[in-house]
Protein backbone atom coordinates (compact mmCIF):
# COMPACT_ATOMS: atom_id res chain seq x y z
CA MET A 1 -16.85 154.85 24.13
CA LYS A 2 -18.37 158.02 22.71
CA ASN A 3 -19.26 160.64 25.35
CA PHE A 4 -17.92 158.52 28.19
CA LYS A 5 -15.24 160.31 30.22
CA ARG A 6 -13.85 159.65 33.69
CA ASN A 7 -11.49 161.57 35.93
CA ASP A 8 -9.99 158.50 37.61
CA HIS A 9 -7.72 156.57 35.26
CA ILE A 10 -5.98 154.50 37.93
CA PHE A 11 -9.05 152.74 39.37
CA SER A 12 -11.78 151.62 37.00
CA LEU A 13 -15.49 152.19 37.11
CA CYS A 14 -16.04 148.49 37.86
CA GLY A 15 -13.29 148.10 40.46
CA LEU A 16 -10.08 147.15 38.66
CA ASN A 17 -6.72 148.60 39.70
CA CYS A 18 -5.79 149.96 36.28
CA ILE A 19 -2.50 151.42 37.50
CA LEU A 20 -1.30 147.85 38.24
CA CYS A 21 -2.36 146.41 34.88
CA PRO A 22 0.22 145.15 32.36
CA MET A 23 -1.82 146.58 29.46
CA LYS A 24 -1.94 150.03 31.06
CA LEU A 25 1.78 149.87 31.91
CA GLY A 26 2.55 149.10 28.29
CA ASN A 27 0.35 152.01 27.10
CA TYR A 28 -1.97 149.60 25.29
CA CYS A 29 -5.07 150.66 27.20
CA PRO A 30 -6.33 154.15 27.99
CA GLY A 31 -8.64 152.70 30.63
CA CYS A 32 -12.35 153.27 30.78
CA GLY A 33 -13.17 156.83 29.93
CA GLY A 34 -9.66 157.70 28.79
CA GLY A 35 -9.88 158.26 25.06
CA ASP A 36 -11.62 155.52 23.14
CA GLY A 37 -11.67 153.18 26.14
CA ASN A 38 -13.37 149.81 25.91
CA GLN A 39 -16.04 150.32 23.26
CA GLY A 40 -18.00 147.20 24.22
CA CYS A 41 -18.08 147.78 27.97
CA ALA A 42 -21.63 147.25 29.25
CA ILE A 43 -20.72 148.82 32.58
CA ALA A 44 -19.55 152.04 30.89
CA ARG A 45 -22.83 152.17 28.93
CA CYS A 46 -24.67 151.70 32.22
CA SER A 47 -22.73 154.59 33.77
CA LEU A 48 -23.76 156.86 30.91
CA LYS A 49 -27.40 155.99 31.62
CA ASN A 50 -26.91 156.73 35.34
CA GLN A 51 -25.59 160.33 35.38
CA ASN A 52 -22.04 159.30 34.43
CA ILE A 53 -21.20 157.90 37.86
CA GLU A 54 -17.45 157.58 38.52
CA TYR A 55 -17.65 154.23 40.37
CA CYS A 56 -20.33 151.55 40.24
CA PHE A 57 -20.73 151.53 44.02
CA GLN A 58 -22.20 155.06 43.70
CA CYS A 59 -25.19 153.61 41.84
CA GLY A 60 -28.36 152.82 43.76
CA ASN A 61 -28.53 149.43 42.02
CA TYR A 62 -25.01 148.32 43.00
CA PRO A 63 -24.19 145.46 42.97
CA CYS A 64 -26.40 144.63 40.03
CA GLU A 65 -26.57 141.57 37.78
CA LYS A 66 -23.49 142.79 35.89
CA TYR A 67 -21.49 141.76 38.96
CA ASN A 68 -22.69 138.17 39.05
CA ASP A 69 -19.52 136.05 38.79
CA ILE A 70 -17.46 139.13 37.84
CA ASP A 71 -14.47 137.79 39.75
CA LYS A 72 -14.77 134.22 38.47
CA TYR A 73 -12.41 134.77 35.52
CA ASP A 74 -9.67 137.27 34.77
CA SER A 75 -8.73 139.17 31.66
CA PHE A 76 -5.18 140.54 31.36
CA ILE A 77 -5.64 141.94 34.87
CA THR A 78 -6.81 140.03 37.91
CA HIS A 79 -10.48 140.44 38.84
CA HIS A 80 -10.18 138.56 42.14
CA HIS A 81 -10.42 141.61 44.39
CA GLN A 82 -12.75 143.73 42.29
CA LEU A 83 -15.63 143.67 44.74
CA LEU A 84 -13.35 143.74 47.80
CA ASP A 85 -11.48 146.76 46.45
CA MET A 86 -14.76 148.63 45.90
CA GLU A 87 -15.78 147.82 49.48
CA LYS A 88 -12.40 149.07 50.66
CA ILE A 89 -12.80 152.38 48.79
CA GLN A 90 -16.21 152.88 50.33
CA LYS A 91 -14.73 152.26 53.77
CA ILE A 92 -11.46 154.26 53.61
CA GLY A 93 -12.25 156.79 50.89
CA ILE A 94 -10.88 157.28 47.41
CA GLU A 95 -7.95 159.50 48.46
CA GLN A 96 -6.56 156.94 50.89
CA TYR A 97 -7.19 154.11 48.41
CA HIS A 98 -5.35 156.07 45.69
CA SER A 99 -2.48 156.61 48.11
CA GLU A 100 -2.21 152.85 48.67
CA LEU A 101 -2.45 152.20 44.93
CA PHE A 102 0.41 154.63 44.29
CA GLU A 103 2.51 152.83 46.93
CA LYS A 104 1.77 149.53 45.20
CA PHE A 105 2.62 151.13 41.85
CA GLU A 106 6.01 152.24 43.20
CA ILE A 107 6.65 148.70 44.45
CA LEU A 108 5.60 147.29 41.08
CA ASN A 109 8.00 149.60 39.26
CA TYR A 110 10.81 148.68 41.66
CA LEU A 111 10.17 144.98 41.04
CA LEU A 112 10.06 145.44 37.27
CA GLU A 113 13.30 147.45 37.27
CA ASN A 114 15.24 145.13 39.59
CA TYR A 115 13.74 141.62 39.46
CA ASN A 116 12.07 141.19 36.07
CA ASP A 117 14.03 138.69 34.04
CA GLY A 118 11.87 139.49 31.02
CA ARG A 119 9.19 137.00 32.02
CA LYS A 120 7.75 138.39 35.27
CA LYS A 121 5.76 141.48 34.31
CA ASN A 122 2.35 139.79 34.62
CA PHE A 123 3.40 137.96 37.77
CA PHE A 124 4.48 141.19 39.47
CA CYS A 125 1.28 142.96 38.34
CA ILE A 126 -0.85 140.16 39.82
CA THR A 127 1.27 140.09 42.97
CA THR A 128 0.97 143.82 43.65
CA ASN A 129 -2.75 143.65 42.94
CA LEU A 130 -3.54 140.75 45.25
CA LEU A 131 -1.13 140.99 48.16
CA ASP A 132 -1.59 143.43 51.01
CA ILE A 133 0.65 146.49 50.97
CA ASN A 134 2.36 145.43 54.21
CA ASP A 135 3.17 141.98 52.80
CA LEU A 136 4.60 143.61 49.67
CA LYS A 137 6.81 145.94 51.70
CA GLU A 138 8.10 143.08 53.87
CA VAL A 139 9.00 140.94 50.87
CA VAL A 140 10.74 143.85 49.14
CA GLU A 141 12.88 144.46 52.23
CA GLU A 142 13.72 140.74 52.42
CA LEU A 143 14.55 140.77 48.69
CA LYS A 144 16.96 143.65 49.13
CA THR A 145 18.80 141.67 51.79
CA LYS A 146 18.82 138.33 49.97
CA THR A 147 19.81 139.70 46.55
CA GLN A 148 22.52 142.20 47.42
CA ALA A 149 25.37 139.96 46.21
CA LYS A 150 26.95 141.65 43.19
CA ASP A 151 27.57 138.41 41.33
CA MET A 152 23.90 137.38 41.40
CA THR A 153 22.26 137.25 37.96
CA LEU A 154 18.92 138.86 37.20
CA LYS A 155 17.47 135.40 36.62
CA GLU A 156 18.57 134.34 40.11
CA LYS A 157 17.14 137.51 41.67
CA SER A 158 13.89 136.96 39.80
CA ALA A 159 13.65 133.37 41.05
CA ILE A 160 14.15 134.50 44.66
CA ALA A 161 11.49 137.21 44.27
CA THR A 162 9.04 134.71 42.83
CA MET A 163 9.70 132.22 45.62
CA LEU A 164 9.27 134.84 48.37
CA PHE A 165 6.03 136.21 46.94
CA GLN A 166 4.64 132.72 46.33
CA SER A 167 5.44 131.81 49.93
CA VAL A 168 3.49 134.78 51.29
CA ALA A 169 0.62 134.10 48.89
CA VAL A 170 0.34 130.48 50.07
CA LYS A 171 0.16 131.67 53.69
CA ARG A 172 -2.65 134.06 52.70
CA ASN A 173 -4.43 131.45 50.55
CA ILE A 174 -3.93 133.56 47.42
CA ILE A 175 -3.11 132.16 43.99
CA LEU A 176 -0.77 134.42 42.04
CA LYS A 177 -1.87 133.61 38.52
CA LEU A 178 -4.68 134.67 36.23
CA ASN A 179 -7.79 132.53 36.20
CA LYS A 180 -8.47 132.43 32.47
CA LYS A 181 -11.82 131.44 31.09
CA PRO A 182 -11.59 128.05 29.36
CA SER A 183 -11.45 128.43 25.60
CA ARG A 184 -14.40 127.19 23.61
CA MET A 185 -13.84 124.33 21.25
C-alpha cells in the first residue's frame, strides 16, 4: 500500500504472527508495510489515517468494528489468536512477545527440517501459532526421543509428530486446522 511502512515485519498491525505464516516462509508475502504489502487492507488504510500506528491496540478506537468476527475465519494463516495475541503483547511487551515468537520460529524451522514429509508445512505453522511455547517444547523433546531410530522414515516421523501435537491440542481444546470461509455458490 502506497506510503504505508512498518518496522515490525514479524507481527502484523492487526495481530497475526507473520513469522509463523506459510506465505511469509515461502517469500510470497512481504507482510503489511513491507514493500507493496496487502493493497486492499482496510486496517492498513486505517493506520495511515491514525498517525501510522504500528499495532491496532495503540489506537484509541481499538477494538473497532473491523475486529467484529475477525477470528471467525482464517486465511492462509490462523486468525484464532489474533485478539489474544494483541492482549498478550499489551501485557508482556513487544520485546518479550518477539522473543517468544522467535522461539516458536526456531521450533517451526526444526519441525520443517526434520518432520515435514512434504505435506505438513501448514500444519506445523498452525501448530506453532496456536500451541503454547511450553507445550511445543515438550512435544519436540518427546519427538526427539520417539524418532531417534535410524531406520525410521520421514513419513513415519511426520506421523508421530502429527499424533503428538494433535494429542496436546485436544487436551487444550484447540483445533489444528484452518477454519476456511465457506465458498459461495
